[in-house]
Amino acid sequence: MSTTSRIDRRFAALKAAGRPALIPFMTAGDPDPALTVPALHALVSAGADLIELGMPFSDPMADGPVIQQANERAIAKGVGLKHVLDSVRSFRAQDGDTPLVLMGYLNPIEQYGREAFVADAATAGADALLVVDCPIDESAELGGLLAPQGLKQIHLVAPTTSMVRQQRIAAAAQGFLYYVSFKGITGAARLEAGPVRQVVEGLKRLTSVPVCVGFGVRDADSAGALGAFADGVVIGSALVEQMAGATDAADLGQRIAGFLGPIRAALERVPLAA
């Protein structure tokens, strides 16, 4: 197995190109299970550098109403981890380069079986897991399962994270470090780049992995403001909102391209911070 992951290779290429990563988030199975794989390909076509694929869960405590509703729609249509992994496998049949991060919560993974899920995720072609309710203090067991399979464990840092804890998380960081740009749930419509920049620059001094920012990114202006200093920008709720209600793959592709196009263009205009 190569010691260099898809995530590492992608960020190295982005650094060489001198621009931050565009990392869109979508919920598997929404707006329709048949559209999950077409949506993944559409995200890549629209400029995604990495993709976060949400694993539907009935109580996504860190997510706001938009993603909560996306979870509910997907679950109502029978979407679970099998669909997530089948979708990753199908995507990988045509795209062997774009990194995929599976993002979700512990409960469905526990029900599936930790060891079985990690093994199946690796076989399907996932690159990393971001488990929202598995903080650094409780991550050793999961991390011990991921590493032998070549999967990375993405860690979160929040504005409320103490400096001691930031140092601990930064030391354990793999793939990239995800900084939550403000206190609260996903999708809130407020973002002040100045305070975020201070924290991100501090995190960069603590770790050698890229530092990416999510929560509160809604458009090209907010993405560009963050891209001036972050290694990547994650955009979720605003994109999920645009995708909701798409009737077919063509409609969905148009919605994704129309929304992400200006954001990708904004990030290409921003030189990657040192």
C-alpha atoms as a PDB file:
ATOM      1  CA  MET A   1       0.000   0.000   0.000  1.00  0.00           C
ATOM      2  CA  SER A   2       1.303   3.434  -0.929  1.00  0.00           C
ATOM      3  CA  THR A   3       2.328   5.564   2.038  1.00  0.00           C
ATOM      4  CA  THR A   4       1.006   8.628   0.222  1.00  0.00           C
ATOM      5  CA  SER A   5      -2.755   8.904   0.318  1.00  0.00           C
ATOM      6  CA  ARG A   6      -5.075  10.537  -2.193  1.00  0.00           C
ATOM      7  CA  ILE A   7      -5.602  13.327   0.339  1.00  0.00           C
ATOM      8  CA  ASP A   8      -1.867  13.969   0.711  1.00  0.00           C
ATOM      9  CA  ARG A   9      -1.345  13.918  -3.048  1.00  0.00           C
ATOM     10  CA  ARG A  10      -4.224  16.302  -3.672  1.00  0.00           C
ATOM     11  CA  PHE A  11      -3.053  18.877  -1.128  1.00  0.00           C
ATOM     12  CA  ALA A  12       0.502  18.641  -2.462  1.00  0.00           C
ATOM     13  CA  ALA A  13      -0.814  19.348  -5.960  1.00  0.00           C
ATOM     14  CA  LEU A  14      -2.878  22.268  -4.670  1.00  0.00           C
ATOM     15  CA  LYS A  15       0.135  23.718  -2.893  1.00  0.00           C
ATOM     16  CA  ALA A  16       2.132  23.454  -6.112  1.00  0.00           C
ATOM     17  CA  ALA A  17      -0.718  25.155  -7.979  1.00  0.00           C
ATOM     18  CA  GLY A  18      -0.877  27.866  -5.329  1.00  0.00           C
ATOM     19  CA  ARG A  19      -4.556  27.718  -4.429  1.00  0.00           C
ATOM     20  CA  PRO A  20      -6.759  26.484  -1.572  1.00  0.00           C
ATOM     21  CA  ALA A  21      -8.961  23.398  -1.830  1.00  0.00           C
ATOM     22  CA  LEU A  22     -12.658  23.496  -2.567  1.00  0.00           C
ATOM     23  CA  ILE A  23     -14.304  20.863  -0.364  1.00  0.00           C
ATOM     24  CA  PRO A  24     -18.062  20.526  -0.881  1.00  0.00           C
ATOM     25  CA  PHE A  25     -20.259  18.490   1.450  1.00  0.00           C
ATOM     26  CA  MET A  26     -23.315  16.525   0.364  1.00  0.00           C
ATOM     27  CA  THR A  27     -25.580  14.072   2.167  1.00  0.00           C
ATOM     28  CA  ALA A  28     -25.686  10.605   0.635  1.00  0.00           C
ATOM     29  CA  GLY A  29     -29.141   9.815  -0.694  1.00  0.00           C
ATOM     30  CA  ASP A  30     -30.330  13.408  -0.939  1.00  0.00           C
ATOM     31  CA  PRO A  31     -32.167  14.618  -2.926  1.00  0.00           C
ATOM     32  CA  ASP A  32     -32.611  11.021  -4.153  1.00  0.00           C
ATOM     33  CA  PRO A  33     -30.608   7.805  -3.647  1.00  0.00           C
ATOM     34  CA  ALA A  34     -30.316   7.329  -7.414  1.00  0.00           C
ATOM     35  CA  LEU A  35     -28.560  10.698  -7.652  1.00  0.00           C
ATOM     36  CA  THR A  36     -25.788  10.145  -5.091  1.00  0.00           C
ATOM     37  CA  VAL A  37     -23.175   8.937  -7.571  1.00  0.00           C
ATOM     38  CA  PRO A  38     -24.126  11.423 -10.315  1.00  0.00           C
ATOM     39  CA  ALA A  39     -23.905  14.171  -7.697  1.00  0.00           C
ATOM     40  CA  LEU A  40     -20.399  13.112  -6.688  1.00  0.00           C
ATOM     41  CA  HIS A  41     -19.257  13.249 -10.301  1.00  0.00           C
ATOM     42  CA  ALA A  42     -21.018  16.587 -10.788  1.00  0.00           C
ATOM     43  CA  LEU A  43     -19.172  18.012  -7.789  1.00  0.00           C
ATOM     44  CA  VAL A  44     -15.852  17.010  -9.343  1.00  0.00           C
ATOM     45  CA  SER A  45     -16.862  18.475 -12.701  1.00  0.00           C
ATOM     46  CA  ALA A  46     -17.761  21.732 -10.933  1.00  0.00           C
ATOM     47  CA  GLY A  47     -14.317  21.998  -9.353  1.00  0.00           C
ATOM     48  CA  ALA A  48     -14.345  19.982  -6.124  1.00  0.00           C
ATOM     49  CA  ASP A  49     -10.852  19.028  -4.963  1.00  0.00           C
ATOM     50  CA  LEU A  50     -12.018  16.775  -2.126  1.00  0.00           C
ATOM     51  CA  ILE A  51     -15.557  15.717  -1.200  1.00  0.00           C
ATOM     52  CA  GLU A  52     -17.175  15.170   2.170  1.00  0.00           C
ATOM     53  CA  LEU A  53     -19.962  12.617   1.878  1.00  0.00           C
ATOM     54  CA  GLY A  54     -22.416  12.768   4.758  1.00  0.00           C
ATOM     55  CA  MET A  55     -23.664   9.495   6.200  1.00  0.00           C
ATOM     56  CA  PRO A  56     -27.349   9.976   7.116  1.00  0.00           C
ATOM     57  CA  PHE A  57     -28.199   9.840  10.817  1.00  0.00           C
ATOM     58  CA  SER A  58     -31.437  10.578  12.651  1.00  0.00           C
ATOM     59  CA  ASP A  59     -29.856  12.905  15.235  1.00  0.00           C
ATOM     60  CA  PRO A  60     -27.082  14.938  13.569  1.00  0.00           C
ATOM     61  CA  MET A  61     -26.458  17.185  16.547  1.00  0.00           C
ATOM     62  CA  ALA A  62     -23.810  19.429  14.955  1.00  0.00           C
ATOM     63  CA  ASP A  63     -25.883  20.159  11.874  1.00  0.00           C
ATOM     64  CA  GLY A  64     -28.408  22.895  11.269  1.00  0.00           C
ATOM     65  CA  PRO A  65     -31.900  22.585   9.793  1.00  0.00           C
ATOM     66  CA  VAL A  66     -30.808  22.266   6.153  1.00  0.00           C
ATOM     67  CA  ILE A  67     -28.585  19.242   6.704  1.00  0.00           C
ATOM     68  CA  GLN A  68     -30.933  17.810   9.327  1.00  0.00           C
ATOM     69  CA  GLN A  69     -33.687  17.830   6.723  1.00  0.00           C
ATOM     70  CA  ALA A  70     -31.375  16.284   4.141  1.00  0.00           C
ATOM     71  CA  ASN A  71     -30.667  13.470   6.606  1.00  0.00           C
ATOM     72  CA  GLU A  72     -34.374  12.991   7.210  1.00  0.00           C
ATOM     73  CA  ARG A  73     -35.155  12.844   3.483  1.00  0.00           C
ATOM     74  CA  ALA A  74     -32.397  10.304   2.874  1.00  0.00           C
ATOM     75  CA  ILE A  75     -33.406   8.092   5.812  1.00  0.00           C
ATOM     76  CA  ALA A  76     -37.058   8.222   4.706  1.00  0.00           C
ATOM     77  CA  LYS A  77     -35.909   6.736   1.402  1.00  0.00           C
ATOM     78  CA  GLY A  78     -34.067   3.905   3.115  1.00  0.00           C
ATOM     79  CA  VAL A  79     -30.549   5.283   2.849  1.00  0.00           C
ATOM     80  CA  GLY A  80     -28.028   3.852   5.296  1.00  0.00           C
ATOM     81  CA  LEU A  81     -24.377   2.919   5.359  1.00  0.00           C
ATOM     82  CA  LYS A  82     -24.799   0.249   2.690  1.00  0.00           C
ATOM     83  CA  HIS A  83     -25.923   2.897   0.221  1.00  0.00           C
ATOM     84  CA  VAL A  84     -23.035   5.139   1.269  1.00  0.00           C
ATOM     85  CA  LEU A  85     -20.452   2.422   0.658  1.00  0.00           C
ATOM     86  CA  ASP A  86     -22.072   1.237  -2.564  1.00  0.00           C
ATOM     87  CA  SER A  87     -21.990   4.838  -3.794  1.00  0.00           C
ATOM     88  CA  VAL A  88     -18.307   5.213  -2.953  1.00  0.00           C
ATOM     89  CA  ARG A  89     -17.566   1.972  -4.777  1.00  0.00           C
ATOM     90  CA  SER A  90     -19.482   3.087  -7.867  1.00  0.00           C
ATOM     91  CA  PHE A  91     -17.816   6.509  -7.835  1.00  0.00           C
ATOM     92  CA  ARG A  92     -14.381   4.921  -7.582  1.00  0.00           C
ATOM     93  CA  ALA A  93     -15.043   2.830 -10.680  1.00  0.00           C
ATOM     94  CA  GLN A  94     -14.758   6.050 -12.695  1.00  0.00           C
ATOM     95  CA  ASP A  95     -12.760   8.373 -10.455  1.00  0.00           C
ATOM     96  CA  GLY A  96      -9.652   7.042  -8.781  1.00  0.00           C
ATOM     97  CA  ASP A  97      -8.198  10.404  -7.827  1.00  0.00           C
ATOM     98  CA  THR A  98     -10.684  12.595  -5.941  1.00  0.00           C
ATOM     99  CA  PRO A  99     -10.406  12.088  -2.171  1.00  0.00           C
ATOM    100  CA  LEU A 100     -13.610  11.130  -0.359  1.00  0.00           C
ATOM    101  CA  VAL A 101     -14.110  11.818   3.339  1.00  0.00           C
ATOM    102  CA  LEU A 102     -17.029  10.033   5.000  1.00  0.00           C
ATOM    103  CA  MET A 103     -18.551  12.348   7.591  1.00  0.00           C
ATOM    104  CA  GLY A 104     -21.074  11.344  10.206  1.00  0.00           C
ATOM    105  CA  TYR A 105     -21.751  10.039  13.678  1.00  0.00           C
ATOM    106  CA  LEU A 106     -20.786   6.994  15.713  1.00  0.00           C
ATOM    107  CA  ASN A 107     -24.206   5.412  16.178  1.00  0.00           C
ATOM    108  CA  PRO A 108     -24.669   4.040  12.634  1.00  0.00           C
ATOM    109  CA  ILE A 109     -21.047   2.859  12.600  1.00  0.00           C
ATOM    110  CA  GLU A 110     -21.547   1.033  15.898  1.00  0.00           C
ATOM    111  CA  GLN A 111     -24.675  -0.630  14.541  1.00  0.00           C
ATOM    112  CA  TYR A 112     -22.800  -1.723  11.426  1.00  0.00           C
ATOM    113  CA  GLY A 113     -19.817  -2.857  13.510  1.00  0.00           C
ATOM    114  CA  ARG A 114     -16.700  -0.683  13.768  1.00  0.00           C
ATOM    115  CA  GLU A 115     -14.225  -3.156  12.346  1.00  0.00           C
ATOM    116  CA  ALA A 116     -16.538  -4.265   9.550  1.00  0.00           C
ATOM    117  CA  PHE A 117     -17.388  -0.696   8.577  1.00  0.00           C
ATOM    118  CA  VAL A 118     -13.783   0.471   8.492  1.00  0.00           C
ATOM    119  CA  ALA A 119     -12.749  -2.523   6.404  1.00  0.00           C
ATOM    120  CA  ASP A 120     -15.671  -2.069   4.009  1.00  0.00           C
ATOM    121  CA  ALA A 121     -15.071   1.685   3.723  1.00  0.00           C
ATOM    122  CA  ALA A 122     -11.448   1.087   2.782  1.00  0.00           C
ATOM    123  CA  THR A 123     -12.374  -1.592   0.258  1.00  0.00           C
ATOM    124  CA  ALA A 124     -15.014   0.682  -1.290  1.00  0.00           C
ATOM    125  CA  GLY A 125     -12.442   3.436  -1.811  1.00  0.00           C
ATOM    126  CA  ALA A 126     -12.997   5.974   0.965  1.00  0.00           C
ATOM    127  CA  ASP A 127      -9.966   7.931   2.138  1.00  0.00           C
ATOM    128  CA  ALA A 128     -10.894   9.177   5.602  1.00  0.00           C
ATOM    129  CA  LEU A 129     -13.527   9.330   8.300  1.00  0.00           C
ATOM    130  CA  LEU A 130     -14.684  12.416  10.147  1.00  0.00           C
ATOM    131  CA  VAL A 131     -16.822  11.270  13.053  1.00  0.00           C
ATOM    132  CA  VAL A 132     -18.341  14.321  14.696  1.00  0.00           C
ATOM    133  CA  ASP A 133     -19.054  12.736  18.078  1.00  0.00           C
ATOM    134  CA  CYS A 134     -15.720  10.940  18.424  1.00  0.00           C
ATOM    135  CA  PRO A 135     -13.449  13.560  20.027  1.00  0.00           C
ATOM    136  CA  ILE A 136      -9.711  13.173  20.438  1.00  0.00           C
ATOM    137  CA  ASP A 137     -10.118  11.664  23.920  1.00  0.00           C
ATOM    138  CA  GLU A 138     -12.178   8.785  22.528  1.00  0.00           C
ATOM    139  CA  SER A 139     -10.565   8.369  19.128  1.00  0.00           C
ATOM    140  CA  ALA A 140      -7.765   5.913  19.859  1.00  0.00           C
ATOM    141  CA  GLU A 141      -9.823   2.778  19.228  1.00  0.00           C
ATOM    142  CA  LEU A 142     -11.265   4.041  15.947  1.00  0.00           C
ATOM    143  CA  GLY A 143      -7.897   5.389  14.869  1.00  0.00           C
ATOM    144  CA  GLY A 144      -6.337   2.021  15.585  1.00  0.00           C
ATOM    145  CA  LEU A 145      -8.758   0.435  13.149  1.00  0.00           C
ATOM    146  CA  LEU A 146      -8.340   3.082  10.453  1.00  0.00           C
ATOM    147  CA  ALA A 147      -4.559   3.203  10.187  1.00  0.00           C
ATOM    148  CA  PRO A 148      -3.999  -0.428   9.093  1.00  0.00           C
ATOM    149  CA  GLN A 149      -6.608   0.085   6.368  1.00  0.00           C
ATOM    150  CA  GLY A 150      -4.880   3.204   5.059  1.00  0.00           C
ATOM    151  CA  LEU A 151      -7.721   5.481   6.168  1.00  0.00           C
ATOM    152  CA  LYS A 152      -7.153   8.812   7.861  1.00  0.00           C
ATOM    153  CA  GLN A 153      -9.036  10.187  10.845  1.00  0.00           C
ATOM    154  CA  ILE A 154      -9.992  13.839  10.353  1.00  0.00           C
ATOM    155  CA  HIS A 155     -10.164  15.849  13.570  1.00  0.00           C
ATOM    156  CA  LEU A 156     -12.172  18.964  14.382  1.00  0.00           C
ATOM    157  CA  VAL A 157     -11.069  22.086  16.234  1.00  0.00           C
ATOM    158  CA  ALA A 158     -13.702  24.559  17.444  1.00  0.00           C
ATOM    159  CA  PRO A 159     -13.483  28.168  18.626  1.00  0.00           C
ATOM    160  CA  THR A 160     -14.038  26.890  22.176  1.00  0.00           C
ATOM    161  CA  THR A 161     -11.114  24.434  21.998  1.00  0.00           C
ATOM    162  CA  SER A 162      -8.461  25.318  24.572  1.00  0.00           C
ATOM    163  CA  MET A 163      -4.843  25.861  23.512  1.00  0.00           C
ATOM    164  CA  VAL A 164      -3.748  22.696  25.316  1.00  0.00           C
ATOM    165  CA  ARG A 165      -6.394  20.726  23.492  1.00  0.00           C
ATOM    166  CA  GLN A 166      -5.549  22.394  20.171  1.00  0.00           C
ATOM    167  CA  GLN A 167      -1.971  21.231  20.609  1.00  0.00           C
ATOM    168  CA  ARG A 168      -3.105  17.686  21.313  1.00  0.00           C
ATOM    169  CA  ILE A 169      -5.423  17.584  18.315  1.00  0.00           C
ATOM    170  CA  ALA A 170      -2.837  19.176  16.039  1.00  0.00           C
ATOM    171  CA  ALA A 171      -0.282  16.572  17.053  1.00  0.00           C
ATOM    172  CA  ALA A 172      -2.690  13.791  16.059  1.00  0.00           C
ATOM    173  CA  ALA A 173      -3.919  15.452  12.846  1.00  0.00           C
ATOM    174  CA  GLN A 174      -3.994  13.402   9.651  1.00  0.00           C
ATOM    175  CA  GLY A 175      -4.950  14.385   6.131  1.00  0.00           C
ATOM    176  CA  PHE A 176      -6.152  17.835   7.120  1.00  0.00           C
ATOM    177  CA  LEU A 177      -7.359  19.616  10.223  1.00  0.00           C
ATOM    178  CA  TYR A 178     -10.944  20.890  10.108  1.00  0.00           C
ATOM    179  CA  TYR A 179     -11.481  24.194  11.891  1.00  0.00           C
ATOM    180  CA  VAL A 180     -15.105  25.002  12.735  1.00  0.00           C
ATOM    181  CA  SER A 181     -15.278  28.722  12.073  1.00  0.00           C
ATOM    182  CA  PHE A 182     -17.727  29.651  14.842  1.00  0.00           C
ATOM    183  CA  LYS A 183     -19.676  28.287  17.780  1.00  0.00           C
ATOM    184  CA  GLY A 184     -22.977  26.708  16.814  1.00  0.00           C
ATOM    185  CA  ILE A 185     -24.425  24.447  14.166  1.00  0.00           C
ATOM    186  CA  THR A 186     -23.785  24.194  10.446  1.00  0.00           C
ATOM    187  CA  GLY A 187     -25.528  26.603   8.139  1.00  0.00           C
ATOM    188  CA  ALA A 188     -25.608  29.692  10.331  1.00  0.00           C
ATOM    189  CA  ALA A 189     -25.353  32.863   8.275  1.00  0.00           C
ATOM    190  CA  ARG A 190     -22.542  34.663  10.010  1.00  0.00           C
ATOM    191  CA  LEU A 191     -18.830  34.632   9.423  1.00  0.00           C
ATOM    192  CA  GLU A 192     -16.071  36.989  10.533  1.00  0.00           C
ATOM    193  CA  ALA A 193     -12.847  36.152   8.734  1.00  0.00           C
ATOM    194  CA  GLY A 194     -10.531  38.143  11.014  1.00  0.00           C
ATOM    195  CA  PRO A 195     -10.860  36.062  14.199  1.00  0.00           C
ATOM    196  CA  VAL A 196     -10.900  32.870  12.122  1.00  0.00           C
ATOM    197  CA  ARG A 197      -7.622  33.850  10.490  1.00  0.00           C
ATOM    198  CA  GLN A 198      -5.924  34.276  13.857  1.00  0.00           C
ATOM    199  CA  VAL A 199      -6.873  30.766  14.945  1.00  0.00           C
ATOM    200  CA  VAL A 200      -6.012  29.166  11.605  1.00  0.00           C
ATOM    201  CA  GLU A 201      -2.590  30.776  11.550  1.00  0.00           C
ATOM    202  CA  GLY A 202      -2.035  29.529  15.091  1.00  0.00           C
ATOM    203  CA  LEU A 203      -3.042  25.999  14.098  1.00  0.00           C
ATOM    204  CA  LYS A 204      -0.664  26.094  11.156  1.00  0.00           C
ATOM    205  CA  ARG A 205       2.156  26.693  13.591  1.00  0.00           C
ATOM    206  CA  LEU A 206       1.136  23.552  15.492  1.00  0.00           C
ATOM    207  CA  THR A 207       0.771  21.072  12.634  1.00  0.00           C
ATOM    208  CA  SER A 208       2.246  20.216   9.263  1.00  0.00           C
ATOM    209  CA  VAL A 209      -1.066  19.055   7.770  1.00  0.00           C
ATOM    210  CA  PRO A 210      -3.324  21.477   5.873  1.00  0.00           C
ATOM    211  CA  VAL A 211      -5.858  23.467   7.902  1.00  0.00           C
ATOM    212  CA  CYS A 212      -9.302  23.792   6.323  1.00  0.00           C
ATOM    213  CA  VAL A 213     -12.266  25.864   7.454  1.00  0.00           C
ATOM    214  CA  GLY A 214     -15.963  25.070   7.406  1.00  0.00           C
ATOM    215  CA  PHE A 215     -19.304  26.318   8.839  1.00  0.00           C
ATOM    216  CA  GLY A 216     -20.688  29.647   7.674  1.00  0.00           C
ATOM    217  CA  VAL A 217     -19.379  29.457   4.102  1.00  0.00           C
ATOM    218  CA  ARG A 218     -22.265  30.393   1.842  1.00  0.00           C
ATOM    219  CA  ASP A 219     -20.948  32.003  -1.338  1.00  0.00           C
ATOM    220  CA  ALA A 220     -17.940  33.095  -3.358  1.00  0.00           C
ATOM    221  CA  ASP A 221     -17.221  36.104  -1.133  1.00  0.00           C
ATOM    222  CA  SER A 222     -17.094  34.120   2.113  1.00  0.00           C
ATOM    223  CA  ALA A 223     -15.112  31.308   0.466  1.00  0.00           C
ATOM    224  CA  GLY A 224     -12.622  33.781  -0.996  1.00  0.00           C
ATOM    225  CA  ALA A 225     -12.189  35.533   2.337  1.00  0.00           C
ATOM    226  CA  LEU A 226     -11.307  32.241   4.031  1.00  0.00           C
ATOM    227  CA  GLY A 227      -9.227  30.997   1.120  1.00  0.00           C
ATOM    228  CA  ALA A 228      -6.855  33.925   1.663  1.00  0.00           C
ATOM    229  CA  PHE A 229      -5.409  32.086   4.668  1.00  0.00           C
ATOM    230  CA  ALA A 230      -6.921  28.579   4.898  1.00  0.00           C
ATOM    231  CA  ASP A 231      -5.622  25.572   2.952  1.00  0.00           C
ATOM    232  CA  GLY A 232      -9.160  24.575   2.072  1.00  0.00           C
ATOM    233  CA  VAL A 233     -12.739  25.758   2.354  1.00  0.00           C
ATOM    234  CA  VAL A 234     -15.623  23.414   3.206  1.00  0.00           C
ATOM    235  CA  ILE A 235     -19.092  24.361   2.002  1.00  0.00           C
ATOM    236  CA  GLY A 236     -22.090  22.322   3.097  1.00  0.00           C
ATOM    237  CA  SER A 237     -25.480  23.739   4.034  1.00  0.00           C
ATOM    238  CA  ALA A 238     -25.661  26.306   1.236  1.00  0.00           C
ATOM    239  CA  LEU A 239     -24.833  23.612  -1.334  1.00  0.00           C
ATOM    240  CA  VAL A 240     -27.244  21.062   0.146  1.00  0.00           C
ATOM    241  CA  GLU A 241     -29.928  23.739  -0.012  1.00  0.00           C
ATOM    242  CA  GLN A 242     -29.230  24.268  -3.707  1.00  0.00           C
ATOM    243  CA  MET A 243     -29.338  20.528  -4.429  1.00  0.00           C
ATOM    244  CA  ALA A 244     -32.634  19.909  -2.619  1.00  0.00           C
ATOM    245  CA  GLY A 245     -35.516  19.245  -4.965  1.00  0.00           C
ATOM    246  CA  ALA A 246     -33.458  18.409  -8.034  1.00  0.00           C
ATOM    247  CA  THR A 247     -35.565  16.235 -10.307  1.00  0.00           C
ATOM    248  CA  ASP A 248     -32.900  14.316 -12.217  1.00  0.00           C
ATOM    249  CA  ALA A 249     -29.149  14.089 -12.813  1.00  0.00           C
ATOM    250  CA  ALA A 250     -29.151  16.860 -15.414  1.00  0.00           C
ATOM    251  CA  ASP A 251     -31.038  19.246 -13.155  1.00  0.00           C
ATOM    252  CA  LEU A 252     -28.780  18.385 -10.241  1.00  0.00           C
ATOM    253  CA  GLY A 253     -25.643  18.890 -12.318  1.00  0.00           C
ATOM    254  CA  GLN A 254     -26.814  22.317 -13.413  1.00  0.00           C
ATOM    255  CA  ARG A 255     -27.591  23.343  -9.846  1.00  0.00           C
ATOM    256  CA  ILE A 256     -24.186  22.168  -8.611  1.00  0.00           C
ATOM    257  CA  ALA A 257     -22.274  23.811 -11.458  1.00  0.00           C
ATOM    258  CA  GLY A 258     -24.172  27.072 -11.104  1.00  0.00           C
ATOM    259  CA  PHE A 259     -23.518  27.252  -7.380  1.00  0.00           C
ATOM    260  CA  LEU A 260     -19.928  25.981  -7.146  1.00  0.00           C
ATOM    261  CA  GLY A 261     -18.619  27.656 -10.303  1.00  0.00           C
ATOM    262  CA  PRO A 262     -18.285  31.161  -8.808  1.00  0.00           C
ATOM    263  CA  ILE A 263     -16.852  29.726  -5.583  1.00  0.00           C
ATOM    264  CA  ARG A 264     -14.181  27.762  -7.440  1.00  0.00           C
ATOM    265  CA  ALA A 265     -13.372  30.874  -9.478  1.00  0.00           C
ATOM    266  CA  ALA A 266     -13.020  32.933  -6.291  1.00  0.00           C
ATOM    267  CA  LEU A 267     -10.611  30.406  -4.801  1.00  0.00           C
ATOM    268  CA  GLU A 268      -8.524  30.383  -7.984  1.00  0.00           C
ATOM    269  CA  ARG A 269      -8.086  34.132  -7.641  1.00  0.00           C
ATOM    270  CA  VAL A 270      -6.786  33.798  -4.074  1.00  0.00           C
ATOM    271  CA  PRO A 271      -3.095  32.905  -3.656  1.00  0.00           C
ATOM    272  CA  LEU A 272      -2.569  30.072  -1.208  1.00  0.00           C
ATOM    273  CA  ALA A 273      -1.263  31.301   2.134  1.00  0.00           C
ATOM    274  CA  ALA A 274       2.160  30.141   3.212  1.00  0.00           C
END
